């Protein structure tokens, strides 16, 4: 969370302004976290990787009608394309570092900004609804831009995962599952809930949103020690004193720069689209299903099912005991429900392994490219220590096995 944001080596007088997006590989493939690395005192941008990752539909400011329904501060006037006052719920200071980051982004990272804006549209209603429920600043909806470039499969070099770049030890207290079936740090709904809880707790502790954001980046413990040594100092005082971690000193002003640009993209020359953000249907499952079969039988594209449920480690949902909830855009809800309700359609495929002399669960797991825990979950009466010759064992078909 935040600390996955890597600062690259740079010459003494040159700012590092680097972006690296790698395409996902295979099911549940990882993407290197999309980070912008900036020197706390940038002077000139440095050439960076041109890879931009996959793009979605463009996204604009929130339309007036949509915003009034979700924004705790009420509707904003339709300022897009005008020169009226820009309105924010955070009190963004007139710090030169913020404007310099804006200048650098627009000069050297305009395509990246457009790509991030496009990807953000998919999650806008989810994040805005959560912000409204908690009465949190609306600009926080752009924090995933800094953290992951709005990529659910982003993974930092330090192991932070998902839109909000959560570490395991950060995610666990909020009940996010990370096991052989799922990594809910990639779940855009559950990770948003956890991250906003964390940000709210940070604010409650430090009483200041900029310190709360700094703590999100470098950790509450470290920020607590810093503020204890410099009581009464705000983020900008601490930054000027040079007592913040270098990454954190850049993180907050970079976030504010991106939030300003993406809040009013048309003013900054970005392409604006008024395509609506999708509404999401949540469908509880009482059985394990294979998304490939569900796609074939329902007509819902597999990439839609996969991208809607990025937390899955396989194109197979967990066993019924998980009480897994499938997510789909509302336009596909009826087709999925009708398919699930059809008793004639088998939605899961298994290998049936007949135990023979010398078989062990670990050998079966290795052969079928699954884990021992997965075998046991589908065979609750199976005793690993007393495998009986002739016993039939159900083993879920994973991509390597079924496609190989």
Protein backbone atom coordinates (compact mmCIF):
# COMPACT_ATOMS: atom_id res chain seq x y z
CA UNK A 1 0.00 0.00 0.00
CA UNK A 2 1.79 3.10 -1.19
CA UNK A 3 5.19 1.69 -0.25
CA UNK A 4 5.20 -0.30 -3.48
CA UNK A 5 5.78 3.04 -5.20
CA UNK A 6 9.43 2.70 -6.31
CA UNK A 7 11.75 5.65 -6.83
CA UNK A 8 14.31 5.08 -9.55
CA UNK A 9 17.93 6.21 -9.59
CA UNK A 10 18.45 9.64 -11.04
CA UNK A 11 21.19 12.21 -11.62
CA UNK A 12 21.55 14.84 -8.94
CA UNK A 13 19.77 17.63 -10.81
CA UNK A 14 17.32 15.56 -12.86
CA UNK A 15 13.88 14.45 -11.73
CA UNK A 16 12.79 10.86 -12.24
CA UNK A 17 9.49 10.74 -14.02
CA UNK A 18 8.98 7.07 -14.79
CA UNK A 19 6.04 4.88 -15.73
CA UNK A 20 6.10 1.14 -16.33
CA UNK A 21 2.97 -0.81 -17.32
CA UNK A 22 3.36 -4.48 -18.29
CA UNK A 23 0.63 -6.50 -20.00
CA UNK A 24 -1.03 -9.24 -17.99
CA UNK A 25 0.00 -12.81 -18.79
CA UNK A 26 -2.45 -15.65 -18.54
CA UNK A 27 -5.42 -16.03 -16.23
CA UNK A 28 -5.02 -13.82 -13.19
CA UNK A 29 -1.76 -12.55 -14.68
CA UNK A 30 0.05 -9.81 -12.82
CA UNK A 31 0.79 -6.33 -14.08
CA UNK A 32 3.66 -4.37 -12.66
CA UNK A 33 2.09 -1.58 -10.62
CA UNK A 34 1.68 1.58 -12.66
CA UNK A 35 3.71 4.06 -10.65
CA UNK A 36 4.83 7.55 -11.45
CA UNK A 37 8.14 8.16 -9.73
CA UNK A 38 8.99 11.80 -9.19
CA UNK A 39 11.77 13.51 -7.36
CA UNK A 40 10.30 15.66 -4.56
CA UNK A 41 11.83 18.67 -6.33
CA UNK A 42 11.38 17.96 -10.05
CA UNK A 43 13.09 20.09 -12.60
CA UNK A 44 12.85 18.18 -15.86
CA UNK A 45 11.12 14.96 -16.85
CA UNK A 46 13.15 11.92 -17.91
CA UNK A 47 12.17 9.56 -20.72
CA UNK A 48 10.12 6.58 -19.46
CA UNK A 49 8.66 3.36 -20.78
CA UNK A 50 6.05 3.81 -23.48
CA UNK A 51 4.02 0.73 -22.48
CA UNK A 52 0.55 1.77 -21.39
CA UNK A 53 -1.36 -1.43 -20.63
CA UNK A 54 -4.88 -2.16 -21.78
CA UNK A 55 -7.32 0.68 -22.22
CA UNK A 56 -11.02 0.95 -21.55
CA UNK A 57 -13.63 3.54 -22.53
CA UNK A 58 -12.91 7.18 -21.85
CA UNK A 59 -14.27 8.75 -18.69
CA UNK A 60 -15.21 12.38 -17.97
CA UNK A 61 -16.04 14.39 -14.92
CA UNK A 62 -19.10 12.91 -13.26
CA UNK A 63 -22.22 14.18 -15.01
CA UNK A 64 -24.39 16.49 -12.96
CA UNK A 65 -27.29 14.10 -12.46
CA UNK A 66 -25.08 11.15 -11.55
CA UNK A 67 -22.98 13.20 -9.19
CA UNK A 68 -25.89 14.61 -7.25
CA UNK A 69 -27.02 11.10 -6.41
CA UNK A 70 -23.70 10.00 -4.93
CA UNK A 71 -21.76 13.04 -3.78
CA UNK A 72 -22.09 13.84 -0.05
CA UNK A 73 -21.33 17.49 -0.77
CA UNK A 74 -24.15 17.81 -3.29
CA UNK A 75 -24.11 18.40 -7.04
CA UNK A 76 -21.43 20.42 -8.73
CA UNK A 77 -22.18 22.94 -11.47
CA UNK A 78 -21.37 21.73 -15.01
CA UNK A 79 -18.04 23.53 -15.26
CA UNK A 80 -16.46 21.32 -17.92
CA UNK A 81 -15.13 23.44 -20.75
CA UNK A 82 -15.64 26.72 -18.92
CA UNK A 83 -13.20 28.94 -17.10
CA UNK A 84 -15.21 29.09 -13.89
CA UNK A 85 -13.85 28.24 -10.48
CA UNK A 86 -12.66 24.67 -9.92
CA UNK A 87 -14.37 23.20 -6.86
CA UNK A 88 -12.80 20.54 -4.66
CA UNK A 89 -13.77 18.95 -1.38
CA UNK A 90 -10.13 18.84 -0.28
CA UNK A 91 -8.58 22.19 0.54
CA UNK A 92 -5.74 21.90 -1.98
CA UNK A 93 -2.99 24.38 -1.09
CA UNK A 94 -1.24 26.61 -3.59
CA UNK A 95 2.04 24.74 -3.39
CA UNK A 96 4.42 25.18 -6.30
CA UNK A 97 5.31 21.47 -6.24
CA UNK A 98 1.72 20.56 -7.20
CA UNK A 99 1.64 22.89 -10.19
CA UNK A 100 5.05 21.61 -11.32
CA UNK A 101 3.79 18.05 -11.21
CA UNK A 102 0.76 19.10 -13.26
CA UNK A 103 3.04 20.72 -15.82
CA UNK A 104 5.20 17.60 -16.00
CA UNK A 105 2.22 15.26 -16.34
CA UNK A 106 0.69 17.27 -19.15
CA UNK A 107 4.00 17.66 -20.96
CA UNK A 108 5.28 14.08 -20.68
CA UNK A 109 2.48 11.80 -19.47
CA UNK A 110 -0.64 12.97 -21.29
CA UNK A 111 -1.24 9.54 -22.86
CA UNK A 112 -0.89 7.88 -19.47
CA UNK A 113 -3.40 10.33 -17.96
CA UNK A 114 -5.86 9.55 -20.76
CA UNK A 115 -5.44 5.81 -20.25
CA UNK A 116 -5.92 6.08 -16.50
CA UNK A 117 -8.99 8.27 -16.98
CA UNK A 118 -10.42 5.67 -19.33
CA UNK A 119 -9.83 2.76 -16.97
CA UNK A 120 -11.22 4.67 -13.99
CA UNK A 121 -14.68 4.85 -15.55
CA UNK A 122 -15.30 1.17 -14.82
CA UNK A 123 -15.00 1.71 -11.07
CA UNK A 124 -16.30 5.26 -10.70
CA UNK A 125 -19.77 4.50 -9.34
CA UNK A 126 -18.44 1.90 -6.91
CA UNK A 127 -15.86 4.27 -5.45
CA UNK A 128 -18.10 7.32 -5.42
CA UNK A 129 -20.87 5.43 -3.64
CA UNK A 130 -18.44 4.34 -0.93
CA UNK A 131 -17.09 7.87 -0.57
CA UNK A 132 -20.65 9.20 -0.24
CA UNK A 133 -21.58 6.62 2.39
CA UNK A 134 -18.60 7.71 4.48
CA UNK A 135 -18.79 11.45 3.63
CA UNK A 136 -15.16 11.37 2.49
CA UNK A 137 -13.51 13.83 0.06
CA UNK A 138 -14.49 13.06 -3.52
CA UNK A 139 -10.90 13.48 -4.76
CA UNK A 140 -9.97 10.20 -3.05
CA UNK A 141 -11.57 8.45 -6.02
CA UNK A 142 -8.35 9.20 -7.92
CA UNK A 143 -5.97 7.62 -5.41
CA UNK A 144 -5.89 4.36 -7.43
CA UNK A 145 -4.50 6.40 -10.33
CA UNK A 146 -1.34 7.04 -8.33
CA UNK A 147 -1.28 3.59 -6.76
CA UNK A 148 -2.01 1.26 -9.70
CA UNK A 149 -3.10 3.25 -12.73
CA UNK A 150 -6.57 1.74 -12.07
CA UNK A 151 -5.39 -1.79 -12.84
CA UNK A 152 -6.82 -4.55 -10.66
CA UNK A 153 -3.92 -6.92 -11.41
CA UNK A 154 -1.20 -4.40 -10.61
CA UNK A 155 1.51 -5.83 -8.34
CA UNK A 156 4.31 -3.72 -6.92
CA UNK A 157 7.88 -4.97 -6.43
CA UNK A 158 7.13 -5.18 -2.69
CA UNK A 159 4.01 -7.27 -3.13
CA UNK A 160 1.27 -4.66 -2.90
CA UNK A 161 -1.71 -5.74 -5.03
CA UNK A 162 -4.78 -4.31 -6.73
CA UNK A 163 -6.31 -0.91 -7.45
CA UNK A 164 -5.38 0.40 -4.01
CA UNK A 165 -2.04 -1.47 -3.73
CA UNK A 166 -2.74 -3.26 -0.45
CA UNK A 167 -0.08 -5.30 1.31
CA UNK A 168 -1.07 -8.59 2.93
CA UNK A 169 -0.61 -7.29 6.46
CA UNK A 170 -2.77 -4.27 5.64
CA UNK A 171 -5.55 -6.23 3.94
CA UNK A 172 -5.91 -9.03 6.50
CA UNK A 173 -7.38 -6.91 9.35
CA UNK A 174 -10.18 -5.84 7.01
CA UNK A 175 -11.23 -9.40 6.29
CA UNK A 176 -9.89 -9.69 2.75
CA UNK A 177 -9.23 -13.28 1.74
CA UNK A 178 -5.92 -14.24 0.15
CA UNK A 179 -5.71 -17.97 -0.48
CA UNK A 180 -5.52 -20.55 -3.25
CA UNK A 181 -8.92 -19.51 -4.64
CA UNK A 182 -8.95 -15.72 -4.41
CA UNK A 183 -6.93 -12.64 -3.65
CA UNK A 184 -9.54 -10.09 -2.64
CA UNK A 185 -7.04 -7.27 -2.85
CA UNK A 186 -7.90 -7.47 -6.55
CA UNK A 187 -11.64 -7.30 -5.81
CA UNK A 188 -12.48 -3.70 -6.72
CA UNK A 189 -15.46 -3.63 -4.35
CA UNK A 190 -13.93 -5.23 -1.27
CA UNK A 191 -10.55 -3.51 -1.68
CA UNK A 192 -12.26 -0.13 -2.04
CA UNK A 193 -14.17 -0.74 1.18
CA UNK A 194 -11.01 -1.77 3.02
CA UNK A 195 -8.88 1.08 1.67
CA UNK A 196 -11.41 3.76 2.49
CA UNK A 197 -11.78 2.34 5.98
CA UNK A 198 -8.02 2.60 6.32
CA UNK A 199 -7.95 6.17 5.05
CA UNK A 200 -10.77 7.15 7.43
CA UNK A 201 -8.86 5.63 10.35
CA UNK A 202 -5.73 7.52 9.30
CA UNK A 203 -7.69 10.77 9.21
CA UNK A 204 -9.22 10.08 12.62
CA UNK A 205 -5.73 9.56 14.02
CA UNK A 206 -3.91 12.49 12.40
CA UNK A 207 -6.80 14.94 11.94
CA UNK A 208 -5.53 16.01 8.53
CA UNK A 209 -6.13 14.48 5.10
CA UNK A 210 -2.63 15.15 3.81
CA UNK A 211 -1.08 13.41 6.82
CA UNK A 212 -3.63 10.62 6.40
CA UNK A 213 -2.53 10.15 2.78
CA UNK A 214 1.13 10.27 3.79
CA UNK A 215 0.45 7.53 6.35
CA UNK A 216 -1.29 5.46 3.67
CA UNK A 217 1.97 5.60 1.73
CA UNK A 218 4.64 5.13 4.38
CA UNK A 219 2.68 3.49 7.18
CA UNK A 220 0.87 4.75 10.26
CA UNK A 221 3.69 3.78 12.59
CA UNK A 222 6.28 5.78 10.71
CA UNK A 223 4.06 8.84 10.41
CA UNK A 224 3.21 8.64 14.10
CA UNK A 225 6.90 8.73 14.99
CA UNK A 226 7.52 11.68 12.68
CA UNK A 227 4.59 13.74 13.96
CA UNK A 228 5.58 12.96 17.55
CA UNK A 229 9.03 14.44 16.90
CA UNK A 230 7.52 17.52 15.24
CA UNK A 231 4.25 18.25 17.06
CA UNK A 232 1.90 20.76 15.48
CA UNK A 233 3.53 20.51 12.04
CA UNK A 234 1.32 19.76 9.04
CA UNK A 235 2.34 17.72 5.98
CA UNK A 236 3.72 20.71 4.11
CA UNK A 237 5.78 21.85 7.11
CA UNK A 238 7.21 18.35 7.44
CA UNK A 239 7.92 18.23 3.73
CA UNK A 240 9.79 21.53 3.79
CA UNK A 241 11.83 20.33 6.78
CA UNK A 242 12.89 17.27 4.76
CA UNK A 243 11.89 14.81 7.49
CA UNK A 244 9.44 12.76 5.43
CA UNK A 245 10.46 9.64 3.49
CA UNK A 246 11.45 10.76 0.01
CA UNK A 247 8.71 8.71 -1.61
CA UNK A 248 6.04 10.08 0.73
CA UNK A 249 7.17 13.67 0.15
CA UNK A 250 6.39 13.12 -3.55
CA UNK A 251 3.32 10.92 -3.11
CA UNK A 252 0.88 13.48 -1.67
CA UNK A 253 1.56 16.36 -4.09
CA UNK A 254 1.54 13.92 -7.01
CA UNK A 255 -1.86 12.62 -5.92
CA UNK A 256 -3.19 16.18 -5.66
CA UNK A 257 -1.81 17.03 -9.10
CA UNK A 258 -3.51 14.00 -10.68
CA UNK A 259 -6.75 14.68 -8.79
CA UNK A 260 -6.85 18.24 -10.10
CA UNK A 261 -6.30 17.17 -13.71
CA UNK A 262 -8.70 14.23 -13.68
CA UNK A 263 -11.40 16.19 -11.86
CA UNK A 264 -11.55 18.60 -14.83
CA UNK A 265 -10.00 16.64 -17.72
CA UNK A 266 -11.47 18.75 -20.52
CA UNK A 267 -9.75 21.84 -19.18
CA UNK A 268 -6.41 20.11 -19.46
CA UNK A 269 -6.89 18.92 -23.02
CA UNK A 270 -7.89 15.33 -22.24
CA UNK A 271 -10.62 13.63 -24.26
CA UNK A 272 -13.92 13.72 -22.40
CA UNK A 273 -16.64 11.12 -22.84
CA UNK A 274 -19.99 11.04 -21.09
CA UNK A 275 -20.41 7.28 -21.30
CA UNK A 276 -21.96 6.14 -18.03
CA UNK A 277 -20.05 4.16 -15.47
CA UNK A 278 -21.52 0.65 -15.23
CA UNK A 279 -23.91 -0.40 -12.49
CA UNK A 280 -23.00 -3.73 -10.97
CA UNK A 281 -25.12 -6.75 -10.09
CA UNK A 282 -23.98 -9.06 -7.30
CA UNK A 283 -25.15 -12.66 -7.63
CA UNK A 284 -24.63 -15.01 -4.64
CA UNK A 285 -23.53 -18.51 -5.64
CA UNK A 286 -24.48 -21.71 -3.83
CA UNK A 287 -22.17 -23.87 -5.93
CA UNK A 288 -18.81 -23.79 -7.66
CA UNK A 289 -18.95 -22.72 -11.31
CA UNK A 290 -16.51 -22.57 -14.18
CA UNK A 291 -16.63 -19.13 -15.81
CA UNK A 292 -15.73 -20.63 -19.17
CA UNK A 293 -18.84 -22.83 -19.10
CA UNK A 294 -20.98 -19.99 -17.74
CA UNK A 295 -19.79 -17.79 -20.60
CA UNK A 296 -20.56 -20.44 -23.21
CA UNK A 297 -24.05 -21.15 -21.87
CA UNK A 298 -25.13 -17.59 -21.02
CA UNK A 299 -23.56 -15.71 -23.95
CA UNK A 300 -21.77 -13.35 -21.58
CA UNK A 301 -18.22 -12.78 -22.92
CA UNK A 302 -15.58 -14.55 -20.87
CA UNK A 303 -13.48 -11.39 -20.65
CA UNK A 304 -16.45 -9.61 -19.05
CA UNK A 305 -16.80 -12.32 -16.41
CA UNK A 306 -13.05 -12.39 -15.81
CA UNK A 307 -12.54 -8.64 -15.54
CA UNK A 308 -15.60 -8.32 -13.29
CA UNK A 309 -14.16 -10.86 -10.86
CA UNK A 310 -10.40 -10.24 -10.98
CA UNK A 311 -9.90 -11.64 -7.48
CA UNK A 312 -10.29 -15.22 -8.79
CA UNK A 313 -7.02 -17.13 -9.13
CA UNK A 314 -8.65 -19.50 -11.63
CA UNK A 315 -11.64 -19.16 -13.99
CA UNK A 316 -13.44 -21.22 -11.34
CA UNK A 317 -15.35 -19.80 -8.38
CA UNK A 318 -14.66 -21.14 -4.87
CA UNK A 319 -16.71 -23.90 -3.23
CA UNK A 320 -20.16 -23.17 -1.79
CA UNK A 321 -18.70 -22.78 1.71
CA UNK A 322 -17.09 -19.52 0.59
CA UNK A 323 -20.49 -17.94 -0.12
CA UNK A 324 -18.89 -16.32 -3.13
CA UNK A 325 -20.71 -13.45 -4.82
CA UNK A 326 -20.27 -13.15 -8.59
CA UNK A 327 -20.13 -9.62 -10.01
CA UNK A 328 -21.36 -8.68 -13.48
CA UNK A 329 -22.44 -5.43 -15.15
CA UNK A 330 -26.21 -5.11 -14.76
CA UNK A 331 -26.81 -5.59 -18.47
CA UNK A 332 -25.68 -9.22 -18.10
CA UNK A 333 -27.47 -9.97 -14.84
CA UNK A 334 -30.56 -11.63 -16.32
CA UNK A 335 -28.59 -13.88 -18.67
CA UNK A 336 -26.38 -15.11 -15.84
CA UNK A 337 -29.29 -15.71 -13.46
CA UNK A 338 -31.24 -17.65 -16.07
CA UNK A 339 -28.25 -19.85 -16.80
CA UNK A 340 -27.60 -20.50 -13.12
CA UNK A 341 -31.25 -21.42 -12.63
CA UNK A 342 -31.15 -24.03 -15.40
CA UNK A 343 -30.89 -27.47 -13.80
CA UNK A 344 -29.85 -29.01 -17.14
CA UNK A 345 -26.62 -27.05 -17.48
CA UNK A 346 -23.55 -28.39 -15.60
CA UNK A 347 -21.45 -25.36 -14.68
CA UNK A 348 -18.43 -27.12 -13.29
CA UNK A 349 -16.13 -29.75 -14.76
CA UNK A 350 -14.10 -32.16 -12.69
CA UNK A 351 -11.55 -34.83 -13.25
CA UNK A 352 -12.52 -38.06 -11.47
CA UNK A 353 -9.38 -39.68 -10.15
CA UNK A 354 -9.61 -43.30 -8.97
CA UNK A 355 -7.13 -43.91 -6.17
CA UNK A 356 -4.61 -46.66 -6.86
CA UNK A 357 -1.79 -48.13 -4.85
CA UNK A 358 0.86 -45.57 -3.91
CA UNK A 359 -1.29 -42.48 -4.60
CA UNK A 360 -0.96 -39.48 -2.29
CA UNK A 361 -2.87 -36.21 -2.27
CA UNK A 362 0.29 -34.21 -2.94
CA UNK A 363 1.03 -36.30 -6.04
CA UNK A 364 -2.55 -35.84 -7.27
CA UNK A 365 -2.33 -32.10 -6.68
CA UNK A 366 0.91 -31.91 -8.67
CA UNK A 367 -0.50 -34.01 -11.51
CA UNK A 368 -3.68 -31.97 -11.91
CA UNK A 369 -2.13 -28.52 -11.19
CA UNK A 370 -4.23 -27.82 -8.10
CA UNK A 371 -3.50 -27.64 -4.38
CA UNK A 372 -4.14 -30.27 -1.73
CA UNK A 373 -6.54 -27.86 -0.01
CA UNK A 374 -8.58 -27.56 -3.21
CA UNK A 375 -8.91 -31.35 -3.44
CA UNK A 376 -9.99 -31.58 0.20
CA UNK A 377 -12.60 -28.84 -0.19
CA UNK A 378 -14.35 -30.80 -2.93
CA UNK A 379 -13.95 -34.10 -1.06
CA UNK A 380 -14.77 -33.27 2.58
CA UNK A 381 -14.99 -36.93 3.64
CA UNK A 382 -11.61 -37.81 2.18
CA UNK A 383 -8.94 -38.73 4.73
CA UNK A 384 -5.43 -37.93 3.46
CA UNK A 385 -3.84 -40.54 5.74
CA UNK A 386 -6.18 -43.39 4.88
CA UNK A 387 -6.71 -43.20 1.14
CA UNK A 388 -8.57 -46.29 0.01
CA UNK A 389 -7.72 -47.93 -3.29
CA UNK A 390 -10.66 -47.46 -5.67
CA UNK A 391 -11.91 -44.27 -4.00
CA UNK A 392 -13.15 -41.70 -6.50
CA UNK A 393 -11.73 -38.22 -5.94
CA UNK A 394 -13.22 -35.11 -7.56
CA UNK A 395 -10.55 -32.70 -8.79
CA UNK A 396 -11.55 -29.33 -10.30
CA UNK A 397 -10.26 -28.71 -13.80
CA UNK A 398 -7.96 -25.71 -13.86
CA UNK A 399 -6.84 -23.91 -17.05
CA UNK A 400 -3.57 -25.80 -17.53
CA UNK A 401 -5.30 -29.15 -17.15
CA UNK A 402 -8.43 -28.43 -19.20
CA UNK A 403 -6.67 -26.49 -21.96
CA UNK A 404 -3.57 -28.67 -22.18
